[in-house]
């Protein structure tokens, strides 16, 4: 049996079943496909990074670079260990965890910026102690994002250092 384009099946159904005003968007399979989240490609991320928009910015770019560095470390462990050699498994696990955390930090950077902008706009729209306190709180939270990024960077570097001693120059 050969493959048949989905639209050809819909055309045949409309014709033979005499369906008037058939909306193909109501087909369950199309709704499911449309609801599934799609990961952003590297090309899309870098295009957003190049755009004249405040986010993603330098923090997101740094976190993405950290994720790529951790992934390269994982690749090195995969090639360095033999099939039955589990000695690098802990290093690989730490690198995988660091990669995942860096990917989370890509979005957290943008969210931290959005929170400061929202709080600043609220403070300008309705000046007062409440709005100023929200602005101050948002500004104080932003550096915590960067300290979390430093922590993930440290974990990845530590894993890379133990990998370097194992693999040699």
Foldseek 3Di string as FASTA:
>chain_A
DDDDDPVVVVVVCCVVVVDDPDDPCPDPVNVVVVPDDDDDDPVRQVVVAPDPDVPPYDQLVVLQVLLVLLVVVLVLLVVLADPPGCPLVVLNVLSVVLNVVSNVLSVVLVVLVVQLVVLVVVCVVDPDDVSVVSNVVSVVCNVVSVVVNVVSSVSSVVSVVVVCVSVDD
